[in-house]
């Protein structure tokens, strides 16, 4: 389990950004998977594009008072978050237009 800015990180997806901005990023999952983390249970996250913007898509549910967020970092060095959520949600968090995703992850508090 990793800590990120005071939050626990349940899972992470990295994108290797190589080539032109039109190319889809190559994603690889972090060794410690998000499923079964304390208080939060997630699907394996994935990157996608709606034709205009790239996003990180993940489905999670939480137990007890656990809150969770979906996060994405982008090639313009911004980080965007969606949440907090306390129930099951399928979430997409977007990079700004004309940028690619670098990393996607779920963070949570117990």
PDB file of N, CA and C in Angstrom:
ATOM      1  N   UNK A   1       0.844  -1.166   0.000  1.00  0.00           N
ATOM      2  CA  UNK A   1       0.000   0.000   0.000  1.00  0.00           C
ATOM      3  C   UNK A   1       0.896   1.239   0.000  1.00  0.00           C
ATOM      4  N   UNK A   2       0.644   2.187  -0.854  1.00  0.00           N
ATOM      5  CA  UNK A   2       1.409   3.416  -0.948  1.00  0.00           C
ATOM      6  C   UNK A   2       0.619   4.553  -0.322  1.00  0.00           C
ATOM      7  N   UNK A   3       1.322   5.583   0.145  1.00  0.00           N
ATOM      8  CA  UNK A   3       0.639   6.774   0.645  1.00  0.00           C
ATOM      9  C   UNK A   3       0.915   7.912  -0.318  1.00  0.00           C
ATOM     10  N   UNK A   4      -0.105   8.712  -0.589  1.00  0.00           N
ATOM     11  CA  UNK A   4       0.008   9.842  -1.501  1.00  0.00           C
ATOM     12  C   UNK A   4      -0.719  11.020  -0.884  1.00  0.00           C
ATOM     13  N   UNK A   5       0.026  12.030  -0.470  1.00  0.00           N
ATOM     14  CA  UNK A   5      -0.556  13.244   0.112  1.00  0.00           C
ATOM     15  C   UNK A   5      -1.537  12.931   1.232  1.00  0.00           C
ATOM     16  N   UNK A   6      -1.166  12.043   2.134  1.00  0.00           N
ATOM     17  CA  UNK A   6      -2.015  11.730   3.270  1.00  0.00           C
ATOM     18  C   UNK A   6      -3.094  10.707   2.981  1.00  0.00           C
ATOM     19  N   UNK A   7      -3.211  10.265   1.759  1.00  0.00           N
ATOM     20  CA  UNK A   7      -4.206   9.264   1.385  1.00  0.00           C
ATOM     21  C   UNK A   7      -3.502   7.963   1.048  1.00  0.00           C
ATOM     22  N   UNK A   8      -4.190   6.875   1.257  1.00  0.00           N
ATOM     23  CA  UNK A   8      -3.659   5.587   0.844  1.00  0.00           C
ATOM     24  C   UNK A   8      -3.960   5.407  -0.634  1.00  0.00           C
ATOM     25  N   UNK A   9      -3.053   4.772  -1.328  1.00  0.00           N
ATOM     26  CA  UNK A   9      -3.227   4.539  -2.748  1.00  0.00           C
ATOM     27  C   UNK A   9      -3.554   3.073  -2.956  1.00  0.00           C
ATOM     28  N   UNK A  10      -4.747   2.802  -3.460  1.00  0.00           N
ATOM     29  CA  UNK A  10      -5.215   1.426  -3.608  1.00  0.00           C
ATOM     30  C   UNK A  10      -4.687   0.772  -4.865  1.00  0.00           C
ATOM     31  N   UNK A  11      -4.493   1.493  -5.906  1.00  0.00           N
ATOM     32  CA  UNK A  11      -4.020   0.896  -7.145  1.00  0.00           C
ATOM     33  C   UNK A  11      -3.570   1.963  -8.105  1.00  0.00           C
ATOM     34  N   UNK A  12      -2.758   1.569  -9.061  1.00  0.00           N
ATOM     35  CA  UNK A  12      -2.159   2.556  -9.937  1.00  0.00           C
ATOM     36  C   UNK A  12      -2.025   1.979 -11.337  1.00  0.00           C
ATOM     37  N   UNK A  13      -2.201   2.805 -12.332  1.00  0.00           N
ATOM     38  CA  UNK A  13      -2.000   2.426 -13.712  1.00  0.00           C
ATOM     39  C   UNK A  13      -1.065   3.456 -14.304  1.00  0.00           C
ATOM     40  N   UNK A  14       0.005   3.001 -14.935  1.00  0.00           N
ATOM     41  CA  UNK A  14       0.981   3.908 -15.519  1.00  0.00           C
ATOM     42  C   UNK A  14       0.847   3.905 -17.030  1.00  0.00           C
ATOM     43  N   UNK A  15       1.083   5.042 -17.645  1.00  0.00           N
ATOM     44  CA  UNK A  15       1.066   5.129 -19.101  1.00  0.00           C
ATOM     45  C   UNK A  15       2.424   5.604 -19.578  1.00  0.00           C
ATOM     46  N   UNK A  16       3.001   4.891 -20.511  1.00  0.00           N
ATOM     47  CA  UNK A  16       4.246   5.333 -21.130  1.00  0.00           C
ATOM     48  C   UNK A  16       3.855   6.209 -22.307  1.00  0.00           C
ATOM     49  N   UNK A  17       4.214   7.476 -22.236  1.00  0.00           N
ATOM     50  CA  UNK A  17       3.820   8.414 -23.271  1.00  0.00           C
ATOM     51  C   UNK A  17       4.977   8.551 -24.249  1.00  0.00           C
ATOM     52  N   UNK A  18       4.825   7.923 -25.404  1.00  0.00           N
ATOM     53  CA  UNK A  18       5.863   7.922 -26.421  1.00  0.00           C
ATOM     54  C   UNK A  18       5.213   8.253 -27.752  1.00  0.00           C
ATOM     55  N   UNK A  19       5.863   9.093 -28.544  1.00  0.00           N
ATOM     56  CA  UNK A  19       5.347   9.390 -29.871  1.00  0.00           C
ATOM     57  C   UNK A  19       4.444  10.600 -29.872  1.00  0.00           C
ATOM     58  N   UNK A  20       3.602  10.669 -30.874  1.00  0.00           N
ATOM     59  CA  UNK A  20       2.739  11.831 -31.041  1.00  0.00           C
ATOM     60  C   UNK A  20       1.525  11.748 -30.135  1.00  0.00           C
ATOM     61  N   UNK A  21       0.901  12.882 -29.898  1.00  0.00           N
ATOM     62  CA  UNK A  21      -0.233  12.961 -28.977  1.00  0.00           C
ATOM     63  C   UNK A  21      -1.450  12.189 -29.472  1.00  0.00           C
ATOM     64  N   UNK A  22      -1.488  11.819 -30.722  1.00  0.00           N
ATOM     65  CA  UNK A  22      -2.630  11.096 -31.260  1.00  0.00           C
ATOM     66  C   UNK A  22      -2.584   9.621 -30.865  1.00  0.00           C
ATOM     67  N   UNK A  23      -1.385   9.100 -30.600  1.00  0.00           N
ATOM     68  CA  UNK A  23      -1.229   7.684 -30.268  1.00  0.00           C
ATOM     69  C   UNK A  23      -1.801   7.385 -28.891  1.00  0.00           C
ATOM     70  N   UNK A  24      -2.410   6.225 -28.754  1.00  0.00           N
ATOM     71  CA  UNK A  24      -2.949   5.806 -27.456  1.00  0.00           C
ATOM     72  C   UNK A  24      -1.806   5.471 -26.518  1.00  0.00           C
ATOM     73  N   UNK A  25      -1.925   5.822 -25.232  1.00  0.00           N
ATOM     74  CA  UNK A  25      -0.869   5.503 -24.285  1.00  0.00           C
ATOM     75  C   UNK A  25      -0.849   4.004 -23.994  1.00  0.00           C
ATOM     76  N   UNK A  26       0.337   3.489 -23.718  1.00  0.00           N
ATOM     77  CA  UNK A  26       0.482   2.099 -23.317  1.00  0.00           C
ATOM     78  C   UNK A  26       0.383   2.050 -21.805  1.00  0.00           C
ATOM     79  N   UNK A  27      -0.493   1.222 -21.286  1.00  0.00           N
ATOM     80  CA  UNK A  27      -0.726   1.172 -19.844  1.00  0.00           C
ATOM     81  C   UNK A  27      -0.203  -0.126 -19.262  1.00  0.00           C
ATOM     82  N   UNK A  28       0.318  -0.046 -18.042  1.00  0.00           N
ATOM     83  CA  UNK A  28       0.718  -1.253 -17.320  1.00  0.00           C
ATOM     84  C   UNK A  28       0.268  -1.112 -15.879  1.00  0.00           C
ATOM     85  N   UNK A  29      -0.229  -2.195 -15.315  1.00  0.00           N
ATOM     86  CA  UNK A  29      -0.747  -2.163 -13.948  1.00  0.00           C
ATOM     87  C   UNK A  29       0.380  -2.272 -12.943  1.00  0.00           C
ATOM     88  N   UNK A  30       0.203  -1.614 -11.825  1.00  0.00           N
ATOM     89  CA  UNK A  30       1.157  -1.709 -10.726  1.00  0.00           C
ATOM     90  C   UNK A  30       1.042  -3.090 -10.098  1.00  0.00           C
ATOM     91  N   UNK A  31       2.139  -3.584  -9.534  1.00  0.00           N
ATOM     92  CA  UNK A  31       2.170  -4.933  -8.971  1.00  0.00           C
ATOM     93  C   UNK A  31       1.122  -5.138  -7.884  1.00  0.00           C
ATOM     94  N   UNK A  32       0.931  -4.159  -7.010  1.00  0.00           N
ATOM     95  CA  UNK A  32      -0.069  -4.303  -5.950  1.00  0.00           C
ATOM     96  C   UNK A  32      -1.420  -3.864  -6.489  1.00  0.00           C
ATOM     97  N   UNK A  33      -2.270  -4.813  -6.782  1.00  0.00           N
ATOM     98  CA  UNK A  33      -3.552  -4.520  -7.402  1.00  0.00           C
ATOM     99  C   UNK A  33      -4.519  -3.843  -6.455  1.00  0.00           C
ATOM    100  N   UNK A  34      -5.507  -3.140  -7.001  1.00  0.00           N
ATOM    101  CA  UNK A  34      -6.453  -2.404  -6.177  1.00  0.00           C
ATOM    102  C   UNK A  34      -7.510  -3.273  -5.514  1.00  0.00           C
ATOM    103  N   UNK A  35      -7.793  -4.450  -6.052  1.00  0.00           N
ATOM    104  CA  UNK A  35      -8.876  -5.268  -5.526  1.00  0.00           C
ATOM    105  C   UNK A  35      -8.538  -5.783  -4.137  1.00  0.00           C
ATOM    106  N   UNK A  36      -9.455  -5.605  -3.206  1.00  0.00           N
ATOM    107  CA  UNK A  36      -9.290  -6.157  -1.873  1.00  0.00           C
ATOM    108  C   UNK A  36      -8.514  -5.288  -0.913  1.00  0.00           C
ATOM    109  N   UNK A  37      -8.195  -4.062  -1.275  1.00  0.00           N
ATOM    110  CA  UNK A  37      -7.510  -3.173  -0.342  1.00  0.00           C
ATOM    111  C   UNK A  37      -8.445  -2.885   0.823  1.00  0.00           C
ATOM    112  N   UNK A  38      -7.884  -2.545   1.975  1.00  0.00           N
ATOM    113  CA  UNK A  38      -8.686  -2.290   3.169  1.00  0.00           C
ATOM    114  C   UNK A  38      -9.736  -1.219   2.898  1.00  0.00           C
ATOM    115  N   UNK A  39     -11.008  -1.571   3.054  1.00  0.00           N
ATOM    116  CA  UNK A  39     -12.073  -0.598   2.969  1.00  0.00           C
ATOM    117  C   UNK A  39     -12.529  -0.216   1.581  1.00  0.00           C
ATOM    118  N   UNK A  40     -11.796  -0.580   0.535  1.00  0.00           N
ATOM    119  CA  UNK A  40     -12.191  -0.222  -0.827  1.00  0.00           C
ATOM    120  C   UNK A  40     -11.871  -1.388  -1.759  1.00  0.00           C
ATOM    121  N   UNK A  41     -12.788  -1.653  -2.683  1.00  0.00           N
ATOM    122  CA  UNK A  41     -12.622  -2.749  -3.637  1.00  0.00           C
ATOM    123  C   UNK A  41     -12.854  -2.189  -5.031  1.00  0.00           C
ATOM    124  N   UNK A  42     -11.857  -2.384  -5.924  1.00  0.00           N
ATOM    125  CA  UNK A  42     -11.906  -1.757  -7.241  1.00  0.00           C
ATOM    126  C   UNK A  42     -11.663  -2.751  -8.361  1.00  0.00           C
ATOM    127  N   UNK A  43     -12.217  -2.429  -9.522  1.00  0.00           N
ATOM    128  CA  UNK A  43     -11.871  -3.143 -10.742  1.00  0.00           C
ATOM    129  C   UNK A  43     -10.486  -2.667 -11.168  1.00  0.00           C
ATOM    130  N   UNK A  44      -9.911  -3.332 -12.146  1.00  0.00           N
ATOM    131  CA  UNK A  44      -8.657  -2.850 -12.712  1.00  0.00           C
ATOM    132  C   UNK A  44      -8.982  -1.627 -13.556  1.00  0.00           C
ATOM    133  N   UNK A  45      -8.354  -0.509 -13.254  1.00  0.00           N
ATOM    134  CA  UNK A  45      -8.606   0.727 -13.986  1.00  0.00           C
ATOM    135  C   UNK A  45      -8.052   0.663 -15.396  1.00  0.00           C
ATOM    136  N   UNK A  46      -8.568   1.525 -16.257  1.00  0.00           N
ATOM    137  CA  UNK A  46      -8.091   1.562 -17.640  1.00  0.00           C
ATOM    138  C   UNK A  46      -8.176   2.986 -18.177  1.00  0.00           C
ATOM    139  N   UNK A  47      -7.342   3.262 -19.186  1.00  0.00           N
ATOM    140  CA  UNK A  47      -7.404   4.535 -19.883  1.00  0.00           C
ATOM    141  C   UNK A  47      -8.288   4.378 -21.111  1.00  0.00           C
ATOM    142  N   UNK A  48      -8.929   5.464 -21.494  1.00  0.00           N
ATOM    143  CA  UNK A  48      -9.737   5.475 -22.702  1.00  0.00           C
ATOM    144  C   UNK A  48      -9.834   6.890 -23.232  1.00  0.00           C
ATOM    145  N   UNK A  49     -10.443   7.031 -24.388  1.00  0.00           N
ATOM    146  CA  UNK A  49     -10.645   8.348 -24.984  1.00  0.00           C
ATOM    147  C   UNK A  49     -12.058   8.422 -25.541  1.00  0.00           C
ATOM    148  N   UNK A  50     -12.692   9.573 -25.369  1.00  0.00           N
ATOM    149  CA  UNK A  50     -14.024   9.779 -25.936  1.00  0.00           C
ATOM    150  C   UNK A  50     -13.934  10.448 -27.308  1.00  0.00           C
ATOM    151  N   UNK A  51     -12.728  10.524 -27.862  1.00  0.00           N
ATOM    152  CA  UNK A  51     -12.503  11.175 -29.143  1.00  0.00           C
ATOM    153  C   UNK A  51     -11.963  12.580 -29.002  1.00  0.00           C
ATOM    154  N   UNK A  52     -12.176  13.189 -27.840  1.00  0.00           N
ATOM    155  CA  UNK A  52     -11.685  14.543 -27.576  1.00  0.00           C
ATOM    156  C   UNK A  52     -10.720  14.600 -26.401  1.00  0.00           C
ATOM    157  N   UNK A  53     -10.976  13.776 -25.384  1.00  0.00           N
ATOM    158  CA  UNK A  53     -10.169  13.806 -24.171  1.00  0.00           C
ATOM    159  C   UNK A  53      -9.893  12.384 -23.694  1.00  0.00           C
ATOM    160  N   UNK A  54      -8.710  12.209 -23.081  1.00  0.00           N
ATOM    161  CA  UNK A  54      -8.351  10.943 -22.449  1.00  0.00           C
ATOM    162  C   UNK A  54      -8.880  10.925 -21.026  1.00  0.00           C
ATOM    163  N   UNK A  55      -9.209   9.726 -20.537  1.00  0.00           N
ATOM    164  CA  UNK A  55      -9.722   9.582 -19.179  1.00  0.00           C
ATOM    165  C   UNK A  55      -9.191   8.306 -18.545  1.00  0.00           C
ATOM    166  N   UNK A  56      -9.296   8.260 -17.205  1.00  0.00           N
ATOM    167  CA  UNK A  56      -9.025   7.057 -16.419  1.00  0.00           C
ATOM    168  C   UNK A  56     -10.375   6.575 -15.921  1.00  0.00           C
ATOM    169  N   UNK A  57     -10.708   5.324 -16.197  1.00  0.00           N
ATOM    170  CA  UNK A  57     -11.995   4.745 -15.821  1.00  0.00           C
ATOM    171  C   UNK A  57     -11.766   3.644 -14.794  1.00  0.00           C
ATOM    172  N   UNK A  58     -12.510   3.682 -13.692  1.00  0.00           N
ATOM    173  CA  UNK A  58     -12.389   2.652 -12.660  1.00  0.00           C
ATOM    174  C   UNK A  58     -13.724   2.529 -11.929  1.00  0.00           C
ATOM    175  N   UNK A  59     -14.024   1.322 -11.480  1.00  0.00           N
ATOM    176  CA  UNK A  59     -15.214   1.070 -10.660  1.00  0.00           C
ATOM    177  C   UNK A  59     -14.762   0.618  -9.289  1.00  0.00           C
ATOM    178  N   UNK A  60     -15.281   1.253  -8.243  1.00  0.00           N
ATOM    179  CA  UNK A  60     -14.913   0.898  -6.872  1.00  0.00           C
ATOM    180  C   UNK A  60     -16.152   0.906  -5.985  1.00  0.00           C
ATOM    181  N   UNK A  61     -16.055   0.177  -4.893  1.00  0.00           N
ATOM    182  CA  UNK A  61     -17.040   0.263  -3.819  1.00  0.00           C
ATOM    183  C   UNK A  61     -16.268   0.383  -2.516  1.00  0.00           C
ATOM    184  N   UNK A  62     -16.907   0.953  -1.512  1.00  0.00           N
ATOM    185  CA  UNK A  62     -16.252   1.171  -0.225  1.00  0.00           C
ATOM    186  C   UNK A  62     -17.079   0.542   0.883  1.00  0.00           C
ATOM    187  N   UNK A  63     -16.407   0.233   1.983  1.00  0.00           N
ATOM    188  CA  UNK A  63     -17.095  -0.297   3.156  1.00  0.00           C
ATOM    189  C   UNK A  63     -16.930   0.668   4.320  1.00  0.00           C
ATOM    190  N   UNK A  64     -17.875   0.629   5.246  1.00  0.00           N
ATOM    191  CA  UNK A  64     -17.796   1.479   6.432  1.00  0.00           C
ATOM    192  C   UNK A  64     -17.788   2.946   6.068  1.00  0.00           C
ATOM    193  N   UNK A  65     -16.911   3.698   6.710  1.00  0.00           N
ATOM    194  CA  UNK A  65     -16.817   5.141   6.474  1.00  0.00           C
ATOM    195  C   UNK A  65     -15.728   5.489   5.463  1.00  0.00           C
ATOM    196  N   UNK A  66     -15.231   4.494   4.747  1.00  0.00           N
ATOM    197  CA  UNK A  66     -14.168   4.720   3.765  1.00  0.00           C
ATOM    198  C   UNK A  66     -14.642   5.643   2.649  1.00  0.00           C
ATOM    199  N   UNK A  67     -13.809   6.621   2.306  1.00  0.00           N
ATOM    200  CA  UNK A  67     -14.052   7.500   1.166  1.00  0.00           C
ATOM    201  C   UNK A  67     -12.972   7.220   0.132  1.00  0.00           C
ATOM    202  N   UNK A  68     -13.319   7.301  -1.152  1.00  0.00           N
ATOM    203  CA  UNK A  68     -12.328   7.066  -2.194  1.00  0.00           C
ATOM    204  C   UNK A  68     -12.443   8.092  -3.316  1.00  0.00           C
ATOM    205  N   UNK A  69     -11.325   8.276  -4.033  1.00  0.00           N
ATOM    206  CA  UNK A  69     -11.202   9.218  -5.134  1.00  0.00           C
ATOM    207  C   UNK A  69     -10.549   8.518  -6.315  1.00  0.00           C
ATOM    208  N   UNK A  70     -10.946   8.856  -7.530  1.00  0.00           N
ATOM    209  CA  UNK A  70     -10.249   8.443  -8.748  1.00  0.00           C
ATOM    210  C   UNK A  70      -9.374   9.618  -9.172  1.00  0.00           C
ATOM    211  N   UNK A  71      -8.126   9.331  -9.558  1.00  0.00           N
ATOM    212  CA  UNK A  71      -7.156  10.377  -9.865  1.00  0.00           C
ATOM    213  C   UNK A  71      -6.463  10.093 -11.189  1.00  0.00           C
ATOM    214  N   UNK A  72      -6.089  11.166 -11.892  1.00  0.00           N
ATOM    215  CA  UNK A  72      -5.323  11.035 -13.124  1.00  0.00           C
ATOM    216  C   UNK A  72      -4.300  12.156 -13.180  1.00  0.00           C
ATOM    217  N   UNK A  73      -3.079  11.823 -13.603  1.00  0.00           N
ATOM    218  CA  UNK A  73      -2.079  12.853 -13.888  1.00  0.00           C
ATOM    219  C   UNK A  73      -1.864  12.860 -15.395  1.00  0.00           C
ATOM    220  N   UNK A  74      -1.608  14.053 -15.927  1.00  0.00           N
ATOM    221  CA  UNK A  74      -1.603  14.242 -17.375  1.00  0.00           C
ATOM    222  C   UNK A  74      -0.291  14.866 -17.837  1.00  0.00           C
ATOM    223  N   UNK A  75      -0.073  14.841 -19.155  1.00  0.00           N
ATOM    224  CA  UNK A  75       1.194  15.313 -19.711  1.00  0.00           C
ATOM    225  C   UNK A  75       1.397  16.816 -19.581  1.00  0.00           C
ATOM    226  N   UNK A  76       0.389  17.568 -19.189  1.00  0.00           N
ATOM    227  CA  UNK A  76       0.582  19.000 -18.919  1.00  0.00           C
ATOM    228  C   UNK A  76       0.927  19.230 -17.445  1.00  0.00           C
ATOM    229  N   UNK A  77       1.264  18.136 -16.736  1.00  0.00           N
ATOM    230  CA  UNK A  77       1.653  18.151 -15.317  1.00  0.00           C
ATOM    231  C   UNK A  77       0.523  18.549 -14.378  1.00  0.00           C
ATOM    232  N   UNK A  78      -0.718  18.360 -14.800  1.00  0.00           N
ATOM    233  CA  UNK A  78      -1.850  18.562 -13.903  1.00  0.00           C
ATOM    234  C   UNK A  78      -2.280  17.218 -13.331  1.00  0.00           C
ATOM    235  N   UNK A  79      -2.934  17.277 -12.189  1.00  0.00           N
ATOM    236  CA  UNK A  79      -3.559  16.105 -11.586  1.00  0.00           C
ATOM    237  C   UNK A  79      -5.010  16.456 -11.338  1.00  0.00           C
ATOM    238  N   UNK A  80      -5.886  15.568 -11.744  1.00  0.00           N
ATOM    239  CA  UNK A  80      -7.316  15.784 -11.543  1.00  0.00           C
ATOM    240  C   UNK A  80      -7.885  14.637 -10.726  1.00  0.00           C
ATOM    241  N   UNK A  81      -8.876  14.946  -9.907  1.00  0.00           N
ATOM    242  CA  UNK A  81      -9.493  13.950  -9.030  1.00  0.00           C
ATOM    243  C   UNK A  81     -11.003  14.031  -9.122  1.00  0.00           C
ATOM    244  N   UNK A  82     -11.659  12.898  -8.912  1.00  0.00           N
ATOM    245  CA  UNK A  82     -13.119  12.837  -8.819  1.00  0.00           C
ATOM    246  C   UNK A  82     -13.457  12.135  -7.515  1.00  0.00           C
ATOM    247  N   UNK A  83     -14.351  12.698  -6.736  1.00  0.00           N
ATOM    248  CA  UNK A  83     -14.726  12.131  -5.446  1.00  0.00           C
ATOM    249  C   UNK A  83     -14.801  13.231  -4.413  1.00  0.00           C
ATOM    250  N   UNK A  84     -15.031  12.918  -3.173  1.00  0.00           N
ATOM    251  CA  UNK A  84     -15.001  11.567  -2.599  1.00  0.00           C
ATOM    252  C   UNK A  84     -16.313  10.816  -2.819  1.00  0.00           C
ATOM    253  N   UNK A  85     -16.176   9.493  -2.871  1.00  0.00           N
ATOM    254  CA  UNK A  85     -17.314   8.589  -2.978  1.00  0.00           C
ATOM    255  C   UNK A  85     -17.296   7.635  -1.793  1.00  0.00           C
ATOM    256  N   UNK A  86     -18.461   7.178  -1.377  1.00  0.00           N
ATOM    257  CA  UNK A  86     -18.558   6.234  -0.256  1.00  0.00           C
ATOM    258  C   UNK A  86     -19.324   4.972  -0.638  1.00  0.00           C
ATOM    259  N   UNK A  87     -19.830   4.917  -1.868  1.00  0.00           N
ATOM    260  CA  UNK A  87     -20.595   3.766  -2.343  1.00  0.00           C
ATOM    261  C   UNK A  87     -20.006   3.298  -3.668  1.00  0.00           C
ATOM    262  N   UNK A  88     -20.619   2.283  -4.269  1.00  0.00           N
ATOM    263  CA  UNK A  88     -20.170   1.798  -5.571  1.00  0.00           C
ATOM    264  C   UNK A  88     -20.390   2.866  -6.625  1.00  0.00           C
ATOM    265  N   UNK A  89     -19.351   3.107  -7.432  1.00  0.00           N
ATOM    266  CA  UNK A  89     -19.447   4.058  -8.544  1.00  0.00           C
ATOM    267  C   UNK A  89     -18.539   3.594  -9.668  1.00  0.00           C
ATOM    268  N   UNK A  90     -18.960   3.853 -10.889  1.00  0.00           N
ATOM    269  CA  UNK A  90     -18.096   3.733 -12.056  1.00  0.00           C
ATOM    270  C   UNK A  90     -17.714   5.161 -12.418  1.00  0.00           C
ATOM    271  N   UNK A  91     -16.425   5.483 -12.345  1.00  0.00           N
ATOM    272  CA  UNK A  91     -15.981   6.874 -12.445  1.00  0.00           C
ATOM    273  C   UNK A  91     -15.007   7.038 -13.604  1.00  0.00           C
ATOM    274  N   UNK A  92     -15.165   8.140 -14.325  1.00  0.00           N
ATOM    275  CA  UNK A  92     -14.191   8.581 -15.321  1.00  0.00           C
ATOM    276  C   UNK A  92     -13.673   9.937 -14.868  1.00  0.00           C
ATOM    277  N   UNK A  93     -12.355  10.055 -14.813  1.00  0.00           N
ATOM    278  CA  UNK A  93     -11.740  11.347 -14.515  1.00  0.00           C
ATOM    279  C   UNK A  93     -10.878  11.711 -15.726  1.00  0.00           C
ATOM    280  N   UNK A  94     -11.053  12.934 -16.240  1.00  0.00           N
ATOM    281  CA  UNK A  94     -10.520  13.338 -17.539  1.00  0.00           C
ATOM    282  C   UNK A  94      -9.269  14.197 -17.441  1.00  0.00           C
ATOM    283  N   UNK A  95      -8.368  14.023 -18.418  1.00  0.00           N
ATOM    284  CA  UNK A  95      -7.272  14.960 -18.655  1.00  0.00           C
ATOM    285  C   UNK A  95      -7.825  16.130 -19.469  1.00  0.00           C
ATOM    286  N   UNK A  96      -7.137  17.283 -19.434  1.00  0.00           N
ATOM    287  CA  UNK A  96      -7.561  18.401 -20.282  1.00  0.00           C
ATOM    288  C   UNK A  96      -7.441  18.018 -21.766  1.00  0.00           C
ATOM    289  N   UNK A  97      -8.160  18.709 -22.644  1.00  0.00           N
ATOM    290  CA  UNK A  97      -8.017  18.452 -24.083  1.00  0.00           C
ATOM    291  C   UNK A  97      -6.559  18.611 -24.526  1.00  0.00           C
ATOM    292  N   UNK A  98      -6.161  17.851 -25.527  1.00  0.00           N
ATOM    293  CA  UNK A  98      -4.815  17.905 -26.119  1.00  0.00           C
ATOM    294  C   UNK A  98      -3.709  17.462 -25.171  1.00  0.00           C
ATOM    295  N   UNK A  99      -4.045  16.658 -24.163  1.00  0.00           N
ATOM    296  CA  UNK A  99      -3.035  16.070 -23.282  1.00  0.00           C
ATOM    297  C   UNK A  99      -3.270  14.568 -23.211  1.00  0.00           C
ATOM    298  N   UNK A 100      -2.258  13.847 -22.747  1.00  0.00           N
ATOM    299  CA  UNK A 100      -2.341  12.399 -22.573  1.00  0.00           C
ATOM    300  C   UNK A 100      -2.256  12.052 -21.099  1.00  0.00           C
ATOM    301  N   UNK A 101      -2.791  10.897 -20.700  1.00  0.00           N
ATOM    302  CA  UNK A 101      -2.648  10.460 -19.307  1.00  0.00           C
ATOM    303  C   UNK A 101      -1.248   9.915 -19.056  1.00  0.00           C
ATOM    304  N   UNK A 102      -0.706  10.212 -17.879  1.00  0.00           N
ATOM    305  CA  UNK A 102       0.567   9.633 -17.448  1.00  0.00           C
ATOM    306  C   UNK A 102       0.329   8.530 -16.439  1.00  0.00           C
ATOM    307  N   UNK A 103      -0.619   8.742 -15.533  1.00  0.00           N
ATOM    308  CA  UNK A 103      -0.857   7.792 -14.450  1.00  0.00           C
ATOM    309  C   UNK A 103      -2.299   7.915 -13.978  1.00  0.00           C
ATOM    310  N   UNK A 104      -2.896   6.787 -13.612  1.00  0.00           N
ATOM    311  CA  UNK A 104      -4.229   6.779 -13.027  1.00  0.00           C
ATOM    312  C   UNK A 104      -4.212   5.935 -11.772  1.00  0.00           C
ATOM    313  N   UNK A 105      -4.927   6.359 -10.719  1.00  0.00           N
ATOM    314  CA  UNK A 105      -4.916   5.614  -9.469  1.00  0.00           C
ATOM    315  C   UNK A 105      -6.148   5.944  -8.641  1.00  0.00           C
ATOM    316  N   UNK A 106      -6.374   5.102  -7.640  1.00  0.00           N
ATOM    317  CA  UNK A 106      -7.446   5.303  -6.668  1.00  0.00           C
ATOM    318  C   UNK A 106      -6.803   5.569  -5.322  1.00  0.00           C
ATOM    319  N   UNK A 107      -7.243   6.609  -4.639  1.00  0.00           N
ATOM    320  CA  UNK A 107      -6.777   6.889  -3.277  1.00  0.00           C
ATOM    321  C   UNK A 107      -7.982   6.806  -2.349  1.00  0.00           C
ATOM    322  N   UNK A 108      -7.719   6.534  -1.072  1.00  0.00           N
ATOM    323  CA  UNK A 108      -8.831   6.384  -0.136  1.00  0.00           C
ATOM    324  C   UNK A 108      -8.395   6.688   1.285  1.00  0.00           C
ATOM    325  N   UNK A 109      -9.372   6.986   2.133  1.00  0.00           N
ATOM    326  CA  UNK A 109      -9.150   7.159   3.564  1.00  0.00           C
ATOM    327  C   UNK A 109     -10.059   6.183   4.287  1.00  0.00           C
ATOM    328  N   UNK A 110      -9.611   5.705   5.431  1.00  0.00           N
ATOM    329  CA  UNK A 110     -10.413   4.764   6.218  1.00  0.00           C
ATOM    330  C   UNK A 110     -11.235   5.507   7.241  1.00  0.00           C
TER     331      UNK A 110
END
